[in-house]
Amino acid sequence: MPILVTGAAGFIGFSLCKKLLDLDFEIIGLDNLNSYYDVNLKKARINQLENISHKKGINFILEVGNLQDKKFVDDLFDKYKPATVVNLAAQAGVRYSLKNPYEYIDTNVMGFLNILEGSKRNNIKHLLYASSSSVYGGNENIPFKESSGVDHPVSLYAASKKSNEMMAHVYSHLYSLPTTGLRFFTVYGPWGRPDMALFLFTKAIFAEKPIEIFNNGDMIRDFTYIDDITETLVRLLDKPPVMNNNFNRNNPDPSNSWAPYKLFNIGNSSPVSLMRYISALEDAIGKTAKKIFLPMQPGDVKTTSACTKSLEEYIDFKPQTSIQKGIDEFISWYKDFYSV
């Protein structure tokens, strides 16, 4: 049976679909191709997937529609009857949520509810879904562990992702639906999102325009290369969580449950400073960036750092692509794609 991947035209969704096609999986892709960022980039990703599908003779079918459209999602499940679902579709971005809050509830909460209902009704073997490192919010106990508290989000985006984790647990508990939540830490690499720092910085440096550096550069991020993300996802596909009969309800660990439910950090576990990140980018491009230093933005956090011990033990894999290698790969792609 095919795998349903939502957000198939997005950065992570496209990259996962590409890897799955390379591994001879059949895929049903869902995306609404919205204009949050350049639709032409999304269409170029889909063209890549369709070309690979055609050459290999393996099905990749794209269905265009919205997660929050219940009938559309129900019909999708009924038509293709996937065995596994990877929900990567979401309204992304912390700053965008400050001005467009309803988009996050409609897509990330109501849309996810439709995925949960479809998965329940079709007895899905495994539902994997994108959460985010942003759920740690005001928690400053570094590195972040899945067992840490996530009760103080600082953006609506983060709150919507925490709600996904809680909703998934309800369905795991009530309907024995195996669910795995994936807390991604600042994903970057070829075919990345134009609204993220690496893309914005690169475009500005090539155009010899200044880059905006928030919190005066005093930021640390656990940057995670896209290939490490997709390798992790593939390894998790056939490892649905099972009930933890030893779960201690008197001292509950939020990362697992008596229900078939798991949460994992997916990060490089080697955080670097924003200025070091920019330096690696300057080295890759061969130009020095013009810099404008600005205060911290609302909804942002100073530091992210992932503890990935649980993930490593579960799938015998540790994301570890170096910043310089990852940025070099991105710049090589960027120069080829945009002919600069």
C-alpha atoms as a PDB file:
ATOM      1  CA  MET A   1       0.000   0.000   0.000  1.00  0.00           C
ATOM      2  CA  PRO A   2       1.237   3.542  -0.695  1.00  0.00           C
ATOM      3  CA  ILE A   3       2.512   6.022   1.865  1.00  0.00           C
ATOM      4  CA  LEU A   4       0.538   9.247   2.234  1.00  0.00           C
ATOM      5  CA  VAL A   5       2.840  12.258   2.622  1.00  0.00           C
ATOM      6  CA  THR A   6       1.161  15.592   3.309  1.00  0.00           C
ATOM      7  CA  GLY A   7       3.057  18.768   2.482  1.00  0.00           C
ATOM      8  CA  ALA A   8       4.685  16.929  -0.431  1.00  0.00           C
ATOM      9  CA  ALA A   9       5.636  20.174  -2.198  1.00  0.00           C
ATOM     10  CA  GLY A  10       7.209  21.576   0.957  1.00  0.00           C
ATOM     11  CA  PHE A  11      10.882  21.435   1.875  1.00  0.00           C
ATOM     12  CA  ILE A  12      10.864  18.386   4.150  1.00  0.00           C
ATOM     13  CA  GLY A  13       7.926  16.719   2.403  1.00  0.00           C
ATOM     14  CA  PHE A  14       9.598  16.927  -1.000  1.00  0.00           C
ATOM     15  CA  SER A  15      12.924  15.698   0.370  1.00  0.00           C
ATOM     16  CA  LEU A  16      11.243  12.718   2.051  1.00  0.00           C
ATOM     17  CA  CYS A  17       9.251  11.847  -1.078  1.00  0.00           C
ATOM     18  CA  LYS A  18      12.447  11.948  -3.144  1.00  0.00           C
ATOM     19  CA  LYS A  19      14.176   9.539  -0.776  1.00  0.00           C
ATOM     20  CA  LEU A  20      11.142   7.235  -0.651  1.00  0.00           C
ATOM     21  CA  LEU A  21      10.991   7.097  -4.452  1.00  0.00           C
ATOM     22  CA  ASP A  22      14.694   6.232  -4.500  1.00  0.00           C
ATOM     23  CA  LEU A  23      13.784   3.343  -2.181  1.00  0.00           C
ATOM     24  CA  ASP A  24      10.929   2.230  -4.498  1.00  0.00           C
ATOM     25  CA  PHE A  25       8.012   3.284  -2.280  1.00  0.00           C
ATOM     26  CA  GLU A  26       4.771   4.359  -3.920  1.00  0.00           C
ATOM     27  CA  ILE A  27       3.595   7.743  -2.672  1.00  0.00           C
ATOM     28  CA  ILE A  28       0.392   9.722  -2.505  1.00  0.00           C
ATOM     29  CA  GLY A  29       1.396  13.351  -2.036  1.00  0.00           C
ATOM     30  CA  LEU A  30      -0.938  16.023  -0.708  1.00  0.00           C
ATOM     31  CA  ASP A  31      -0.297  19.748  -0.900  1.00  0.00           C
ATOM     32  CA  ASN A  32      -2.337  22.915  -1.337  1.00  0.00           C
ATOM     33  CA  LEU A  33       0.463  24.753  -3.194  1.00  0.00           C
ATOM     34  CA  ASN A  34      -0.340  27.959  -1.310  1.00  0.00           C
ATOM     35  CA  SER A  35       1.508  31.237  -1.770  1.00  0.00           C
ATOM     36  CA  TYR A  36       3.107  31.497   1.687  1.00  0.00           C
ATOM     37  CA  TYR A  37       6.345  31.417  -0.308  1.00  0.00           C
ATOM     38  CA  ASP A  38       7.295  31.087  -3.981  1.00  0.00           C
ATOM     39  CA  VAL A  39       4.869  28.660  -5.639  1.00  0.00           C
ATOM     40  CA  ASN A  40       7.314  28.184  -8.525  1.00  0.00           C
ATOM     41  CA  LEU A  41       9.789  26.572  -6.132  1.00  0.00           C
ATOM     42  CA  LYS A  42       7.070  24.203  -4.918  1.00  0.00           C
ATOM     43  CA  LYS A  43       6.150  23.321  -8.501  1.00  0.00           C
ATOM     44  CA  ALA A  44       9.812  22.704  -9.337  1.00  0.00           C
ATOM     45  CA  ARG A  45      10.010  20.246  -6.435  1.00  0.00           C
ATOM     46  CA  ILE A  46       6.916  18.428  -7.704  1.00  0.00           C
ATOM     47  CA  ASN A  47       8.406  18.283 -11.209  1.00  0.00           C
ATOM     48  CA  GLN A  48      11.489  16.624  -9.753  1.00  0.00           C
ATOM     49  CA  LEU A  49       9.350  13.994  -8.036  1.00  0.00           C
ATOM     50  CA  GLU A  50       7.275  13.342 -11.139  1.00  0.00           C
ATOM     51  CA  ASN A  51      10.442  12.940 -13.239  1.00  0.00           C
ATOM     52  CA  ILE A  52      11.884  10.407 -10.786  1.00  0.00           C
ATOM     53  CA  SER A  53       8.553   8.589 -10.676  1.00  0.00           C
ATOM     54  CA  HIS A  54       8.394   8.401 -14.472  1.00  0.00           C
ATOM     55  CA  LYS A  55      11.978   7.163 -14.844  1.00  0.00           C
ATOM     56  CA  LYS A  56      11.588   4.465 -12.196  1.00  0.00           C
ATOM     57  CA  GLY A  57       8.060   3.440 -13.103  1.00  0.00           C
ATOM     58  CA  ILE A  58       6.917   4.007  -9.514  1.00  0.00           C
ATOM     59  CA  ASN A  59       3.723   5.829  -8.635  1.00  0.00           C
ATOM     60  CA  PHE A  60       3.900   9.345  -7.288  1.00  0.00           C
ATOM     61  CA  ILE A  61       0.449  10.901  -7.301  1.00  0.00           C
ATOM     62  CA  LEU A  62      -0.115  14.493  -6.216  1.00  0.00           C
ATOM     63  CA  GLU A  63      -3.500  15.517  -4.855  1.00  0.00           C
ATOM     64  CA  VAL A  64      -4.003  19.275  -4.475  1.00  0.00           C
ATOM     65  CA  GLY A  65      -6.260  20.369  -1.637  1.00  0.00           C
ATOM     66  CA  ASN A  66      -6.430  21.647   1.923  1.00  0.00           C
ATOM     67  CA  LEU A  67      -6.021  19.599   5.097  1.00  0.00           C
ATOM     68  CA  GLN A  68      -8.831  21.549   6.726  1.00  0.00           C
ATOM     69  CA  ASP A  69     -11.261  20.354   4.029  1.00  0.00           C
ATOM     70  CA  LYS A  70     -12.682  17.296   5.793  1.00  0.00           C
ATOM     71  CA  LYS A  71     -14.438  15.843   2.758  1.00  0.00           C
ATOM     72  CA  PHE A  72     -11.280  16.160   0.658  1.00  0.00           C
ATOM     73  CA  VAL A  73      -9.199  14.366   3.306  1.00  0.00           C
ATOM     74  CA  ASP A  74     -11.833  11.665   3.866  1.00  0.00           C
ATOM     75  CA  ASP A  75     -12.077  11.017   0.127  1.00  0.00           C
ATOM     76  CA  LEU A  76      -8.282  10.827  -0.087  1.00  0.00           C
ATOM     77  CA  PHE A  77      -8.125   8.099   2.555  1.00  0.00           C
ATOM     78  CA  ASP A  78     -11.035   6.210   1.002  1.00  0.00           C
ATOM     79  CA  LYS A  79      -9.534   6.344  -2.479  1.00  0.00           C
ATOM     80  CA  TYR A  80      -5.930   5.324  -1.753  1.00  0.00           C
ATOM     81  CA  LYS A  81      -6.160   3.461   1.574  1.00  0.00           C
ATOM     82  CA  PRO A  82      -2.595   4.212   2.692  1.00  0.00           C
ATOM     83  CA  ALA A  83      -1.015   2.016   5.359  1.00  0.00           C
ATOM     84  CA  THR A  84       1.277   4.743   6.689  1.00  0.00           C
ATOM     85  CA  VAL A  85       0.827   8.515   6.919  1.00  0.00           C
ATOM     86  CA  VAL A  86       3.531  11.161   7.303  1.00  0.00           C
ATOM     87  CA  ASN A  87       1.906  14.498   8.094  1.00  0.00           C
ATOM     88  CA  LEU A  88       4.344  17.282   7.214  1.00  0.00           C
ATOM     89  CA  ALA A  89       1.803  19.821   5.957  1.00  0.00           C
ATOM     90  CA  ALA A  90       1.486  22.850   8.210  1.00  0.00           C
ATOM     91  CA  GLN A  91       1.394  26.599   8.280  1.00  0.00           C
ATOM     92  CA  ALA A  92       5.014  27.233   9.217  1.00  0.00           C
ATOM     93  CA  GLY A  93       6.852  30.250  10.567  1.00  0.00           C
ATOM     94  CA  VAL A  94       6.937  31.936  13.956  1.00  0.00           C
ATOM     95  CA  ARG A  95       6.790  35.551  12.786  1.00  0.00           C
ATOM     96  CA  TYR A  96       3.982  34.931  10.296  1.00  0.00           C
ATOM     97  CA  SER A  97       1.851  33.656  13.179  1.00  0.00           C
ATOM     98  CA  LEU A  98       1.938  37.084  14.820  1.00  0.00           C
ATOM     99  CA  LYS A  99      -0.113  38.573  11.993  1.00  0.00           C
ATOM    100  CA  ASN A 100      -2.020  35.552  10.685  1.00  0.00           C
ATOM    101  CA  PRO A 101      -3.092  33.548  13.743  1.00  0.00           C
ATOM    102  CA  TYR A 102      -6.170  31.957  12.179  1.00  0.00           C
ATOM    103  CA  GLU A 103      -4.048  30.252   9.513  1.00  0.00           C
ATOM    104  CA  TYR A 104      -2.342  28.250  12.261  1.00  0.00           C
ATOM    105  CA  ILE A 105      -5.528  27.053  13.886  1.00  0.00           C
ATOM    106  CA  ASP A 106      -7.207  26.225  10.566  1.00  0.00           C
ATOM    107  CA  THR A 107      -4.263  24.307   9.093  1.00  0.00           C
ATOM    108  CA  ASN A 108      -2.242  23.013  12.027  1.00  0.00           C
ATOM    109  CA  VAL A 109      -5.095  22.147  14.392  1.00  0.00           C
ATOM    110  CA  MET A 110      -8.238  21.539  12.321  1.00  0.00           C
ATOM    111  CA  GLY A 111      -6.208  20.053   9.467  1.00  0.00           C
ATOM    112  CA  PHE A 112      -4.420  17.695  11.835  1.00  0.00           C
ATOM    113  CA  LEU A 113      -7.741  16.631  13.329  1.00  0.00           C
ATOM    114  CA  ASN A 114      -8.849  15.551   9.847  1.00  0.00           C
ATOM    115  CA  ILE A 115      -5.655  13.504   9.469  1.00  0.00           C
ATOM    116  CA  LEU A 116      -6.235  11.861  12.847  1.00  0.00           C
ATOM    117  CA  GLU A 117      -9.826  11.025  11.962  1.00  0.00           C
ATOM    118  CA  GLY A 118      -8.837   9.588   8.592  1.00  0.00           C
ATOM    119  CA  SER A 119      -6.063   7.552  10.200  1.00  0.00           C
ATOM    120  CA  LYS A 120      -8.406   6.216  12.886  1.00  0.00           C
ATOM    121  CA  ARG A 121     -11.118   5.272  10.412  1.00  0.00           C
ATOM    122  CA  ASN A 122      -8.665   3.456   8.145  1.00  0.00           C
ATOM    123  CA  ASN A 123      -6.683   1.651  10.872  1.00  0.00           C
ATOM    124  CA  ILE A 124      -3.406   3.260   9.837  1.00  0.00           C
ATOM    125  CA  LYS A 125      -0.386   1.227  10.948  1.00  0.00           C
ATOM    126  CA  HIS A 126       1.707   4.288  11.773  1.00  0.00           C
ATOM    127  CA  LEU A 127       1.099   8.051  11.764  1.00  0.00           C
ATOM    128  CA  LEU A 128       4.220  10.198  11.888  1.00  0.00           C
ATOM    129  CA  TYR A 129       3.708  13.940  12.184  1.00  0.00           C
ATOM    130  CA  ALA A 130       5.797  17.087  12.311  1.00  0.00           C
ATOM    131  CA  SER A 131       6.077  18.856  15.603  1.00  0.00           C
ATOM    132  CA  SER A 132       8.778  21.460  16.241  1.00  0.00           C
ATOM    133  CA  SER A 133      11.578  22.455  18.593  1.00  0.00           C
ATOM    134  CA  SER A 134       9.548  25.630  19.123  1.00  0.00           C
ATOM    135  CA  VAL A 135       7.357  23.724  21.607  1.00  0.00           C
ATOM    136  CA  TYR A 136      10.115  24.130  24.204  1.00  0.00           C
ATOM    137  CA  GLY A 137       9.337  27.866  24.251  1.00  0.00           C
ATOM    138  CA  GLY A 138      10.463  29.471  27.491  1.00  0.00           C
ATOM    139  CA  ASN A 139      12.244  26.337  28.705  1.00  0.00           C
ATOM    140  CA  GLU A 140      15.944  27.181  29.149  1.00  0.00           C
ATOM    141  CA  ASN A 141      17.083  23.793  30.449  1.00  0.00           C
ATOM    142  CA  ILE A 142      19.632  23.013  27.713  1.00  0.00           C
ATOM    143  CA  PRO A 143      19.847  20.630  25.893  1.00  0.00           C
ATOM    144  CA  PHE A 144      16.128  20.116  25.360  1.00  0.00           C
ATOM    145  CA  LYS A 145      14.954  16.614  26.220  1.00  0.00           C
ATOM    146  CA  GLU A 146      11.678  15.053  25.170  1.00  0.00           C
ATOM    147  CA  SER A 147      10.950  14.498  28.854  1.00  0.00           C
ATOM    148  CA  SER A 148      11.252  18.251  29.542  1.00  0.00           C
ATOM    149  CA  GLY A 149       8.266  20.522  30.069  1.00  0.00           C
ATOM    150  CA  VAL A 150       6.714  22.288  27.081  1.00  0.00           C
ATOM    151  CA  ASP A 151       4.039  24.239  28.917  1.00  0.00           C
ATOM    152  CA  HIS A 152       5.250  27.754  28.094  1.00  0.00           C
ATOM    153  CA  PRO A 153       5.108  28.336  24.316  1.00  0.00           C
ATOM    154  CA  VAL A 154       6.078  31.818  23.120  1.00  0.00           C
ATOM    155  CA  SER A 155       4.316  31.789  19.719  1.00  0.00           C
ATOM    156  CA  LEU A 156       1.011  30.548  18.358  1.00  0.00           C
ATOM    157  CA  TYR A 157       2.956  28.351  15.939  1.00  0.00           C
ATOM    158  CA  ALA A 158       4.552  26.598  18.923  1.00  0.00           C
ATOM    159  CA  ALA A 159       1.177  26.286  20.656  1.00  0.00           C
ATOM    160  CA  SER A 160      -0.347  24.705  17.543  1.00  0.00           C
ATOM    161  CA  LYS A 161       2.458  22.141  17.445  1.00  0.00           C
ATOM    162  CA  LYS A 162       2.070  21.291  21.111  1.00  0.00           C
ATOM    163  CA  SER A 163      -1.647  20.835  20.488  1.00  0.00           C
ATOM    164  CA  ASN A 164      -0.773  18.313  17.749  1.00  0.00           C
ATOM    165  CA  GLU A 165       1.202  16.260  20.259  1.00  0.00           C
ATOM    166  CA  MET A 166      -1.668  16.301  22.743  1.00  0.00           C
ATOM    167  CA  MET A 167      -4.269  15.446  20.093  1.00  0.00           C
ATOM    168  CA  ALA A 168      -2.130  12.556  18.852  1.00  0.00           C
ATOM    169  CA  HIS A 169      -1.915  11.154  22.363  1.00  0.00           C
ATOM    170  CA  VAL A 170      -5.701  11.179  22.701  1.00  0.00           C
ATOM    171  CA  TYR A 171      -6.066   9.135  19.501  1.00  0.00           C
ATOM    172  CA  SER A 172      -3.265   6.776  20.526  1.00  0.00           C
ATOM    173  CA  HIS A 173      -5.029   6.249  23.859  1.00  0.00           C
ATOM    174  CA  LEU A 174      -8.631   5.996  22.664  1.00  0.00           C
ATOM    175  CA  TYR A 175      -8.126   4.145  19.382  1.00  0.00           C
ATOM    176  CA  SER A 176      -4.703   2.454  19.741  1.00  0.00           C
ATOM    177  CA  LEU A 177      -3.452   4.534  16.794  1.00  0.00           C
ATOM    178  CA  PRO A 178       0.377   4.384  16.749  1.00  0.00           C
ATOM    179  CA  THR A 179       1.642   7.974  16.507  1.00  0.00           C
ATOM    180  CA  THR A 180       5.156   9.405  16.444  1.00  0.00           C
ATOM    181  CA  GLY A 181       5.759  13.141  16.889  1.00  0.00           C
ATOM    182  CA  LEU A 182       8.896  14.654  15.372  1.00  0.00           C
ATOM    183  CA  ARG A 183      10.353  17.771  16.972  1.00  0.00           C
ATOM    184  CA  PHE A 184      12.451  19.196  14.128  1.00  0.00           C
ATOM    185  CA  PHE A 185      15.313  21.553  14.963  1.00  0.00           C
ATOM    186  CA  THR A 186      15.996  24.281  12.328  1.00  0.00           C
ATOM    187  CA  VAL A 187      16.134  22.201   9.160  1.00  0.00           C
ATOM    188  CA  TYR A 188      18.247  23.520   6.269  1.00  0.00           C
ATOM    189  CA  GLY A 189      19.751  22.352   2.990  1.00  0.00           C
ATOM    190  CA  PRO A 190      19.117  22.224  -0.789  1.00  0.00           C
ATOM    191  CA  TRP A 191      15.554  23.025  -1.874  1.00  0.00           C
ATOM    192  CA  GLY A 192      15.014  24.809   1.460  1.00  0.00           C
ATOM    193  CA  ARG A 193      12.356  27.334   2.439  1.00  0.00           C
ATOM    194  CA  PRO A 194      12.821  30.902   1.134  1.00  0.00           C
ATOM    195  CA  ASP A 195      11.417  32.378   4.364  1.00  0.00           C
ATOM    196  CA  MET A 196      14.205  30.912   6.512  1.00  0.00           C
ATOM    197  CA  ALA A 197      17.471  32.610   7.494  1.00  0.00           C
ATOM    198  CA  LEU A 198      19.823  30.629   5.249  1.00  0.00           C
ATOM    199  CA  PHE A 199      17.798  31.419   2.132  1.00  0.00           C
ATOM    200  CA  LEU A 200      17.270  35.074   3.083  1.00  0.00           C
ATOM    201  CA  PHE A 201      20.937  35.579   3.932  1.00  0.00           C
ATOM    202  CA  THR A 202      22.129  33.897   0.735  1.00  0.00           C
ATOM    203  CA  LYS A 203      19.855  35.937  -1.501  1.00  0.00           C
ATOM    204  CA  ALA A 204      20.944  39.178   0.178  1.00  0.00           C
ATOM    205  CA  ILE A 205      24.679  38.384   0.050  1.00  0.00           C
ATOM    206  CA  PHE A 206      24.593  37.555  -3.658  1.00  0.00           C
ATOM    207  CA  ALA A 207      22.685  40.806  -4.263  1.00  0.00           C
ATOM    208  CA  GLU A 208      25.189  42.685  -2.051  1.00  0.00           C
ATOM    209  CA  LYS A 209      22.385  43.810   0.235  1.00  0.00           C
ATOM    210  CA  PRO A 210      22.569  43.795   4.048  1.00  0.00           C
ATOM    211  CA  ILE A 211      21.315  40.879   6.136  1.00  0.00           C
ATOM    212  CA  GLU A 212      19.250  41.405   9.288  1.00  0.00           C
ATOM    213  CA  ILE A 213      20.686  39.701  12.362  1.00  0.00           C
ATOM    214  CA  PHE A 214      18.348  39.538  15.340  1.00  0.00           C
ATOM    215  CA  ASN A 215      19.252  39.734  19.028  1.00  0.00           C
ATOM    216  CA  ASN A 216      22.460  41.406  17.832  1.00  0.00           C
ATOM    217  CA  GLY A 217      23.718  38.008  16.700  1.00  0.00           C
ATOM    218  CA  ASP A 218      23.523  36.476  20.161  1.00  0.00           C
ATOM    219  CA  MET A 219      21.593  33.396  19.020  1.00  0.00           C
ATOM    220  CA  ILE A 220      22.406  29.683  19.066  1.00  0.00           C
ATOM    221  CA  ARG A 221      20.657  27.103  16.918  1.00  0.00           C
ATOM    222  CA  ASP A 222      20.766  23.352  16.506  1.00  0.00           C
ATOM    223  CA  PHE A 223      20.864  23.415  12.708  1.00  0.00           C
ATOM    224  CA  THR A 224      19.872  20.047  11.194  1.00  0.00           C
ATOM    225  CA  TYR A 225      20.723  19.069   7.624  1.00  0.00           C
ATOM    226  CA  ILE A 226      17.868  17.839   5.464  1.00  0.00           C
ATOM    227  CA  ASP A 227      19.440  14.467   4.577  1.00  0.00           C
ATOM    228  CA  ASP A 228      19.714  13.650   8.276  1.00  0.00           C
ATOM    229  CA  ILE A 229      16.013  14.453   8.639  1.00  0.00           C
ATOM    230  CA  THR A 230      14.919  12.187   5.785  1.00  0.00           C
ATOM    231  CA  GLU A 231      17.167   9.322   6.923  1.00  0.00           C
ATOM    232  CA  THR A 232      15.589   9.564  10.356  1.00  0.00           C
ATOM    233  CA  LEU A 233      12.066   9.543   8.938  1.00  0.00           C
ATOM    234  CA  VAL A 234      12.714   6.490   6.772  1.00  0.00           C
ATOM    235  CA  ARG A 235      14.161   4.579   9.724  1.00  0.00           C
ATOM    236  CA  LEU A 236      11.113   5.446  11.828  1.00  0.00           C
ATOM    237  CA  LEU A 237       8.518   4.408   9.224  1.00  0.00           C
ATOM    238  CA  ASP A 238       8.537   0.729  10.101  1.00  0.00           C
ATOM    239  CA  LYS A 239       9.000   1.268  13.838  1.00  0.00           C
ATOM    240  CA  PRO A 240       5.579   2.295  15.119  1.00  0.00           C
ATOM    241  CA  PRO A 241       5.467   2.857  18.878  1.00  0.00           C
ATOM    242  CA  VAL A 242       3.973   0.238  21.145  1.00  0.00           C
ATOM    243  CA  MET A 243       2.339   0.484  24.534  1.00  0.00           C
ATOM    244  CA  ASN A 244       4.733   1.022  27.425  1.00  0.00           C
ATOM    245  CA  ASN A 245       3.461  -1.364  30.112  1.00  0.00           C
ATOM    246  CA  ASN A 246       5.978   0.072  32.560  1.00  0.00           C
ATOM    247  CA  PHE A 247       4.790   3.648  32.155  1.00  0.00           C
ATOM    248  CA  ASN A 248       4.821   5.422  35.523  1.00  0.00           C
ATOM    249  CA  ARG A 249       1.663   7.503  35.851  1.00  0.00           C
ATOM    250  CA  ASN A 250       2.856   8.891  39.172  1.00  0.00           C
ATOM    251  CA  ASN A 251       5.882  10.390  37.451  1.00  0.00           C
ATOM    252  CA  PRO A 252       4.810  10.610  33.805  1.00  0.00           C
ATOM    253  CA  ASP A 253       7.363  11.023  31.023  1.00  0.00           C
ATOM    254  CA  PRO A 254       5.777  13.176  28.260  1.00  0.00           C
ATOM    255  CA  SER A 255       7.859  11.513  25.549  1.00  0.00           C
ATOM    256  CA  ASN A 256       6.017   8.169  25.726  1.00  0.00           C
ATOM    257  CA  SER A 257       2.886   6.590  27.180  1.00  0.00           C
ATOM    258  CA  TRP A 258       0.894   3.518  28.130  1.00  0.00           C
ATOM    259  CA  ALA A 259      -0.605   4.162  24.669  1.00  0.00           C
ATOM    260  CA  PRO A 260       1.321   3.551  21.380  1.00  0.00           C
ATOM    261  CA  TYR A 261       2.771   7.054  21.369  1.00  0.00           C
ATOM    262  CA  LYS A 262       6.300   8.512  21.059  1.00  0.00           C
ATOM    263  CA  LEU A 263       8.001  11.884  20.718  1.00  0.00           C
ATOM    264  CA  PHE A 264      11.500  12.418  19.349  1.00  0.00           C
ATOM    265  CA  ASN A 265      13.859  15.345  18.961  1.00  0.00           C
ATOM    266  CA  ILE A 266      15.435  15.405  15.518  1.00  0.00           C
ATOM    267  CA  GLY A 267      18.431  17.715  15.758  1.00  0.00           C
ATOM    268  CA  ASN A 268      22.155  17.729  15.143  1.00  0.00           C
ATOM    269  CA  SER A 269      22.850  17.916  18.910  1.00  0.00           C
ATOM    270  CA  SER A 270      25.777  20.230  18.098  1.00  0.00           C
ATOM    271  CA  PRO A 271      24.344  23.760  18.294  1.00  0.00           C
ATOM    272  CA  VAL A 272      26.344  26.615  16.798  1.00  0.00           C
ATOM    273  CA  SER A 273      26.148  30.378  17.140  1.00  0.00           C
ATOM    274  CA  LEU A 274      24.321  32.380  14.496  1.00  0.00           C
ATOM    275  CA  MET A 275      27.529  34.288  13.761  1.00  0.00           C
ATOM    276  CA  ARG A 276      29.396  31.015  13.139  1.00  0.00           C
ATOM    277  CA  TYR A 277      26.575  29.999  10.791  1.00  0.00           C
ATOM    278  CA  ILE A 278      26.909  33.271   8.889  1.00  0.00           C
ATOM    279  CA  SER A 279      30.681  32.842   8.733  1.00  0.00           C
ATOM    280  CA  ALA A 280      30.271  29.396   7.161  1.00  0.00           C
ATOM    281  CA  LEU A 281      27.854  30.925   4.637  1.00  0.00           C
ATOM    282  CA  GLU A 282      30.323  33.702   3.784  1.00  0.00           C
ATOM    283  CA  ASP A 283      33.031  31.068   3.232  1.00  0.00           C
ATOM    284  CA  ALA A 284      30.786  29.062   0.931  1.00  0.00           C
ATOM    285  CA  ILE A 285      29.775  32.101  -1.155  1.00  0.00           C
ATOM    286  CA  GLY A 286      33.161  33.804  -1.079  1.00  0.00           C
ATOM    287  CA  LYS A 287      31.722  37.161   0.001  1.00  0.00           C
ATOM    288  CA  THR A 288      31.440  39.043   3.270  1.00  0.00           C
ATOM    289  CA  ALA A 289      27.900  39.914   4.316  1.00  0.00           C
ATOM    290  CA  LYS A 290      26.818  43.441   5.098  1.00  0.00           C
ATOM    291  CA  LYS A 291      25.213  43.186   8.508  1.00  0.00           C
ATOM    292  CA  ILE A 292      22.431  45.038  10.317  1.00  0.00           C
ATOM    293  CA  PHE A 293      22.099  44.084  13.971  1.00  0.00           C
ATOM    294  CA  LEU A 294      18.595  44.214  15.432  1.00  0.00           C
ATOM    295  CA  PRO A 295      16.916  43.329  18.757  1.00  0.00           C
ATOM    296  CA  MET A 296      15.166  40.024  19.441  1.00  0.00           C
ATOM    297  CA  GLN A 297      11.924  39.465  17.572  1.00  0.00           C
ATOM    298  CA  PRO A 298       8.671  38.620  19.401  1.00  0.00           C
ATOM    299  CA  GLY A 299       8.009  34.883  19.576  1.00  0.00           C
ATOM    300  CA  ASP A 300      11.656  33.946  19.074  1.00  0.00           C
ATOM    301  CA  VAL A 301      14.018  32.179  21.482  1.00  0.00           C
ATOM    302  CA  LYS A 302      17.722  32.701  22.040  1.00  0.00           C
ATOM    303  CA  THR A 303      18.905  29.086  22.067  1.00  0.00           C
ATOM    304  CA  THR A 304      17.834  25.687  20.773  1.00  0.00           C
ATOM    305  CA  SER A 305      19.748  22.508  21.494  1.00  0.00           C
ATOM    306  CA  ALA A 306      18.522  18.954  21.001  1.00  0.00           C
ATOM    307  CA  CYS A 307      19.249  15.921  23.114  1.00  0.00           C
ATOM    308  CA  THR A 308      18.897  13.074  20.601  1.00  0.00           C
ATOM    309  CA  LYS A 309      19.891  10.132  22.827  1.00  0.00           C
ATOM    310  CA  SER A 310      16.395   8.634  22.702  1.00  0.00           C
ATOM    311  CA  LEU A 311      16.312   8.802  18.892  1.00  0.00           C
ATOM    312  CA  GLU A 312      19.784   7.291  18.544  1.00  0.00           C
ATOM    313  CA  GLU A 313      18.872   4.351  20.747  1.00  0.00           C
ATOM    314  CA  TYR A 314      15.595   3.782  18.893  1.00  0.00           C
ATOM    315  CA  ILE A 315      16.849   3.787  15.296  1.00  0.00           C
ATOM    316  CA  ASP A 316      20.641   3.460  15.629  1.00  0.00           C
ATOM    317  CA  PHE A 317      21.250   6.734  13.812  1.00  0.00           C
ATOM    318  CA  LYS A 318      22.569  10.132  14.857  1.00  0.00           C
ATOM    319  CA  PRO A 319      22.146  13.254  12.682  1.00  0.00           C
ATOM    320  CA  GLN A 320      25.624  14.759  12.394  1.00  0.00           C
ATOM    321  CA  THR A 321      26.224  16.570   9.088  1.00  0.00           C
ATOM    322  CA  SER A 322      28.583  19.475   9.747  1.00  0.00           C
ATOM    323  CA  ILE A 323      27.455  23.061   9.260  1.00  0.00           C
ATOM    324  CA  GLN A 324      30.096  23.786   6.620  1.00  0.00           C
ATOM    325  CA  LYS A 325      29.264  20.682   4.570  1.00  0.00           C
ATOM    326  CA  GLY A 326      25.538  21.383   4.777  1.00  0.00           C
ATOM    327  CA  ILE A 327      25.886  25.015   3.770  1.00  0.00           C
ATOM    328  CA  ASP A 328      28.278  24.135   0.947  1.00  0.00           C
ATOM    329  CA  GLU A 329      25.661  21.734  -0.431  1.00  0.00           C
ATOM    330  CA  PHE A 330      22.954  24.387  -0.161  1.00  0.00           C
ATOM    331  CA  ILE A 331      25.036  27.034  -1.951  1.00  0.00           C
ATOM    332  CA  SER A 332      25.905  24.586  -4.729  1.00  0.00           C
ATOM    333  CA  TRP A 333      22.184  23.914  -5.243  1.00  0.00           C
ATOM    334  CA  TYR A 334      21.236  27.603  -4.953  1.00  0.00           C
ATOM    335  CA  LYS A 335      23.759  28.709  -7.593  1.00  0.00           C
ATOM    336  CA  ASP A 336      22.584  26.009  -9.979  1.00  0.00           C
ATOM    337  CA  PHE A 337      18.835  26.553  -9.397  1.00  0.00           C
ATOM    338  CA  TYR A 338      18.949  30.350  -9.602  1.00  0.00           C
ATOM    339  CA  SER A 339      21.831  30.587 -12.106  1.00  0.00           C
ATOM    340  CA  VAL A 340      23.978  32.927  -9.985  1.00  0.00           C
END
